[in-house]
């Protein structure tokens, strides 16, 4: 029986809670981009949460190969950089 390793990457979009409603278009674009990356890199799992009363928006990616997650992270960080007001926390 083999042991499989699953790597998980969680990126939280650092947006002030009072600004979330005004930033929903940007969050939607980032979420769509995350799903596109997930499909292109054939990640095992992808989840985007658009935020709520208890937490900020975030995405979670899972894959058995760490290098794939690192590539996804770089591309997502670069894309988020297009939205100057947004920074991320990993």
N, C-alpha and C. Protein backbone atom coordinates (compact mmCIF):
# COMPACT_ATOMS: atom_id res chain seq x y z
N UNK A 1 0.84 -1.18 0.00
CA UNK A 1 0.00 0.00 0.00
C UNK A 1 0.89 1.25 0.00
N UNK A 2 0.67 2.12 -0.93
CA UNK A 2 1.48 3.33 -1.06
C UNK A 2 0.82 4.49 -0.33
N UNK A 3 1.66 5.35 0.18
CA UNK A 3 1.17 6.56 0.83
C UNK A 3 1.23 7.69 -0.19
N UNK A 4 0.12 8.37 -0.38
CA UNK A 4 0.07 9.48 -1.33
C UNK A 4 0.11 10.79 -0.56
N UNK A 5 0.86 11.73 -1.08
CA UNK A 5 0.95 13.05 -0.48
C UNK A 5 0.08 14.00 -1.28
N UNK A 6 -0.69 14.79 -0.57
CA UNK A 6 -1.53 15.80 -1.20
C UNK A 6 -1.12 17.16 -0.65
N UNK A 7 -0.70 18.04 -1.53
CA UNK A 7 -0.27 19.38 -1.13
C UNK A 7 -1.46 20.32 -1.28
N UNK A 8 -1.55 21.27 -0.36
CA UNK A 8 -2.66 22.23 -0.38
C UNK A 8 -2.11 23.65 -0.33
N UNK A 9 -2.64 24.49 -1.19
CA UNK A 9 -2.27 25.90 -1.23
C UNK A 9 -3.53 26.71 -0.97
N UNK A 10 -3.45 27.59 0.03
CA UNK A 10 -4.58 28.48 0.33
C UNK A 10 -4.09 29.91 0.18
N UNK A 11 -4.77 30.68 -0.64
CA UNK A 11 -4.44 32.09 -0.85
C UNK A 11 -5.65 32.90 -0.39
N UNK A 12 -5.43 33.77 0.59
CA UNK A 12 -6.48 34.65 1.09
C UNK A 12 -6.32 36.02 0.44
N UNK A 13 -7.40 36.56 -0.10
CA UNK A 13 -7.36 37.89 -0.71
C UNK A 13 -7.54 38.91 0.41
N UNK A 14 -6.53 39.72 0.64
CA UNK A 14 -6.53 40.67 1.75
C UNK A 14 -7.32 41.92 1.36
N UNK A 15 -8.61 41.85 1.61
CA UNK A 15 -9.53 42.95 1.30
C UNK A 15 -10.25 43.32 2.58
N UNK A 16 -10.36 44.61 2.86
CA UNK A 16 -11.09 45.03 4.05
C UNK A 16 -12.54 44.59 3.94
N UNK A 17 -13.09 44.12 5.06
CA UNK A 17 -14.46 43.61 5.05
C UNK A 17 -15.46 44.63 4.51
N UNK A 18 -15.24 45.89 4.83
CA UNK A 18 -16.18 46.92 4.36
C UNK A 18 -16.05 47.18 2.85
N UNK A 19 -14.96 46.72 2.24
CA UNK A 19 -14.75 46.93 0.80
C UNK A 19 -15.17 45.73 -0.05
N UNK A 20 -15.54 44.61 0.57
CA UNK A 20 -15.82 43.39 -0.19
C UNK A 20 -16.92 43.60 -1.22
N UNK A 21 -18.00 44.27 -0.85
CA UNK A 21 -19.11 44.45 -1.80
C UNK A 21 -18.70 45.30 -3.00
N UNK A 22 -17.84 46.28 -2.79
CA UNK A 22 -17.36 47.11 -3.89
C UNK A 22 -16.34 46.41 -4.77
N UNK A 23 -15.75 45.36 -4.26
CA UNK A 23 -14.71 44.63 -4.99
C UNK A 23 -15.21 43.32 -5.58
N UNK A 24 -16.50 43.08 -5.56
CA UNK A 24 -17.04 41.78 -5.98
C UNK A 24 -16.69 41.45 -7.43
N UNK A 25 -16.64 42.45 -8.31
CA UNK A 25 -16.27 42.19 -9.71
C UNK A 25 -14.83 41.68 -9.82
N UNK A 26 -13.93 42.31 -9.08
CA UNK A 26 -12.53 41.88 -9.09
C UNK A 26 -12.40 40.48 -8.49
N UNK A 27 -13.12 40.21 -7.42
CA UNK A 27 -13.08 38.89 -6.79
C UNK A 27 -13.61 37.84 -7.75
N UNK A 28 -14.67 38.15 -8.49
CA UNK A 28 -15.22 37.21 -9.48
C UNK A 28 -14.20 36.91 -10.58
N UNK A 29 -13.51 37.95 -11.06
CA UNK A 29 -12.50 37.75 -12.10
C UNK A 29 -11.35 36.88 -11.59
N UNK A 30 -10.92 37.15 -10.37
CA UNK A 30 -9.85 36.35 -9.78
C UNK A 30 -10.31 34.90 -9.62
N UNK A 31 -11.54 34.71 -9.14
CA UNK A 31 -12.08 33.36 -8.98
C UNK A 31 -12.14 32.60 -10.30
N UNK A 32 -12.58 33.26 -11.35
CA UNK A 32 -12.62 32.63 -12.68
C UNK A 32 -11.22 32.26 -13.15
N UNK A 33 -10.28 33.15 -12.91
CA UNK A 33 -8.89 32.87 -13.29
C UNK A 33 -8.35 31.66 -12.54
N UNK A 34 -8.66 31.56 -11.26
CA UNK A 34 -8.20 30.43 -10.44
C UNK A 34 -8.75 29.12 -11.01
N UNK A 35 -10.03 29.10 -11.38
CA UNK A 35 -10.62 27.89 -11.97
C UNK A 35 -9.96 27.55 -13.31
N UNK A 36 -9.66 28.57 -14.11
CA UNK A 36 -8.98 28.34 -15.39
C UNK A 36 -7.59 27.71 -15.19
N UNK A 37 -6.86 28.25 -14.22
CA UNK A 37 -5.53 27.70 -13.90
C UNK A 37 -5.66 26.25 -13.45
N UNK A 38 -6.66 25.99 -12.62
CA UNK A 38 -6.87 24.64 -12.10
C UNK A 38 -7.11 23.64 -13.23
N UNK A 39 -7.92 24.03 -14.19
CA UNK A 39 -8.20 23.15 -15.33
C UNK A 39 -6.96 22.97 -16.20
N UNK A 40 -6.26 24.06 -16.46
CA UNK A 40 -5.10 23.99 -17.35
C UNK A 40 -3.98 23.13 -16.75
N UNK A 41 -3.76 23.26 -15.43
CA UNK A 41 -2.70 22.50 -14.78
C UNK A 41 -3.18 21.14 -14.26
N UNK A 42 -4.46 20.86 -14.49
CA UNK A 42 -5.07 19.59 -14.06
C UNK A 42 -4.85 19.32 -12.57
N UNK A 43 -5.19 20.32 -11.77
CA UNK A 43 -5.06 20.17 -10.32
C UNK A 43 -6.13 19.22 -9.81
N UNK A 44 -5.86 18.59 -8.67
CA UNK A 44 -6.78 17.61 -8.11
C UNK A 44 -8.07 18.26 -7.60
N UNK A 45 -7.93 19.45 -7.01
CA UNK A 45 -9.12 20.11 -6.45
C UNK A 45 -8.91 21.62 -6.47
N UNK A 46 -10.00 22.34 -6.61
CA UNK A 46 -9.97 23.80 -6.63
C UNK A 46 -11.24 24.30 -5.98
N UNK A 47 -11.10 25.26 -5.09
CA UNK A 47 -12.25 25.81 -4.39
C UNK A 47 -12.02 27.30 -4.23
N UNK A 48 -13.02 28.10 -4.53
CA UNK A 48 -12.95 29.54 -4.32
C UNK A 48 -14.12 29.93 -3.43
N UNK A 49 -13.81 30.65 -2.35
CA UNK A 49 -14.84 31.15 -1.45
C UNK A 49 -14.83 32.66 -1.57
N UNK A 50 -15.99 33.23 -1.80
CA UNK A 50 -16.08 34.66 -2.08
C UNK A 50 -16.24 35.52 -0.84
N UNK A 51 -16.00 34.95 0.33
CA UNK A 51 -16.01 35.72 1.57
C UNK A 51 -17.38 35.74 2.22
N UNK A 52 -17.38 36.19 3.43
CA UNK A 52 -18.61 36.25 4.18
C UNK A 52 -18.39 37.00 5.48
N UNK A 53 -19.31 36.87 6.38
CA UNK A 53 -19.23 37.60 7.64
C UNK A 53 -18.04 37.16 8.49
N UNK A 54 -17.65 35.90 8.39
CA UNK A 54 -16.61 35.37 9.26
C UNK A 54 -15.22 35.31 8.63
N UNK A 55 -15.12 35.49 7.32
CA UNK A 55 -13.81 35.34 6.69
C UNK A 55 -13.72 36.14 5.39
N UNK A 56 -12.48 36.37 4.98
CA UNK A 56 -12.22 37.06 3.72
C UNK A 56 -12.29 36.07 2.57
N UNK A 57 -12.38 36.56 1.34
CA UNK A 57 -12.37 35.65 0.18
C UNK A 57 -11.02 34.91 0.10
N UNK A 58 -11.08 33.66 -0.35
CA UNK A 58 -9.86 32.88 -0.49
C UNK A 58 -10.06 31.80 -1.54
N UNK A 59 -8.94 31.23 -1.98
CA UNK A 59 -9.00 30.06 -2.85
C UNK A 59 -8.13 28.97 -2.26
N UNK A 60 -8.50 27.74 -2.53
CA UNK A 60 -7.75 26.59 -2.06
C UNK A 60 -7.52 25.66 -3.24
N UNK A 61 -6.27 25.29 -3.45
CA UNK A 61 -5.90 24.39 -4.54
C UNK A 61 -5.20 23.17 -3.94
N UNK A 62 -5.46 22.01 -4.51
CA UNK A 62 -4.81 20.79 -4.05
C UNK A 62 -4.25 20.01 -5.24
N UNK A 63 -3.08 19.40 -5.02
CA UNK A 63 -2.48 18.55 -6.05
C UNK A 63 -1.41 17.68 -5.42
N UNK A 64 -1.15 16.56 -6.03
CA UNK A 64 -0.14 15.64 -5.50
C UNK A 64 1.28 16.10 -5.81
N UNK A 65 1.44 16.98 -6.79
CA UNK A 65 2.77 17.48 -7.15
C UNK A 65 2.92 18.93 -6.70
N UNK A 66 3.86 19.15 -5.81
CA UNK A 66 4.08 20.49 -5.27
C UNK A 66 4.46 21.49 -6.37
N UNK A 67 5.22 21.06 -7.35
CA UNK A 67 5.66 21.96 -8.43
C UNK A 67 4.47 22.56 -9.19
N UNK A 68 3.41 21.78 -9.37
CA UNK A 68 2.21 22.30 -10.04
C UNK A 68 1.56 23.40 -9.21
N UNK A 69 1.51 23.20 -7.90
CA UNK A 69 0.93 24.23 -7.04
C UNK A 69 1.79 25.49 -7.03
N UNK A 70 3.11 25.33 -7.06
CA UNK A 70 3.99 26.49 -7.09
C UNK A 70 3.79 27.28 -8.38
N UNK A 71 3.62 26.58 -9.49
CA UNK A 71 3.36 27.25 -10.77
C UNK A 71 2.03 27.99 -10.72
N UNK A 72 1.00 27.33 -10.17
CA UNK A 72 -0.32 27.97 -10.03
C UNK A 72 -0.22 29.20 -9.14
N UNK A 73 0.52 29.08 -8.04
CA UNK A 73 0.67 30.21 -7.12
C UNK A 73 1.30 31.40 -7.81
N UNK A 74 2.36 31.18 -8.58
CA UNK A 74 3.02 32.28 -9.29
C UNK A 74 2.07 32.96 -10.27
N UNK A 75 1.32 32.17 -11.00
CA UNK A 75 0.40 32.74 -11.99
C UNK A 75 -0.74 33.50 -11.31
N UNK A 76 -1.26 32.96 -10.22
CA UNK A 76 -2.35 33.63 -9.51
C UNK A 76 -1.85 34.93 -8.89
N UNK A 77 -0.67 34.90 -8.27
CA UNK A 77 -0.11 36.12 -7.67
C UNK A 77 0.09 37.19 -8.74
N UNK A 78 0.59 36.80 -9.90
CA UNK A 78 0.81 37.76 -10.99
C UNK A 78 -0.52 38.34 -11.46
N UNK A 79 -1.54 37.50 -11.57
CA UNK A 79 -2.85 37.98 -12.02
C UNK A 79 -3.45 38.93 -10.99
N UNK A 80 -3.35 38.58 -9.72
CA UNK A 80 -3.88 39.45 -8.67
C UNK A 80 -3.15 40.79 -8.68
N UNK A 81 -1.89 40.78 -9.10
CA UNK A 81 -1.12 42.01 -9.19
C UNK A 81 -1.73 43.02 -10.16
N UNK A 82 -2.55 42.54 -11.10
CA UNK A 82 -3.23 43.46 -12.02
C UNK A 82 -4.26 44.31 -11.28
N UNK A 83 -4.73 43.80 -10.17
CA UNK A 83 -5.67 44.53 -9.34
C UNK A 83 -4.85 45.15 -8.21
N UNK A 84 -4.30 46.32 -8.47
CA UNK A 84 -3.31 46.96 -7.62
C UNK A 84 -3.72 46.99 -6.15
N UNK A 85 -4.98 47.19 -5.88
CA UNK A 85 -5.43 47.33 -4.50
C UNK A 85 -5.34 46.03 -3.73
N UNK A 86 -5.23 44.92 -4.44
CA UNK A 86 -5.27 43.62 -3.77
C UNK A 86 -3.88 43.10 -3.47
N UNK A 87 -3.74 42.58 -2.28
CA UNK A 87 -2.55 41.82 -1.96
C UNK A 87 -3.04 40.50 -1.40
N UNK A 88 -2.16 39.56 -1.27
CA UNK A 88 -2.58 38.24 -0.83
C UNK A 88 -1.79 37.80 0.38
N UNK A 89 -2.35 36.83 1.05
CA UNK A 89 -1.69 36.22 2.19
C UNK A 89 -1.71 34.72 1.94
N UNK A 90 -0.57 34.09 2.11
CA UNK A 90 -0.49 32.65 1.86
C UNK A 90 -0.26 31.92 3.16
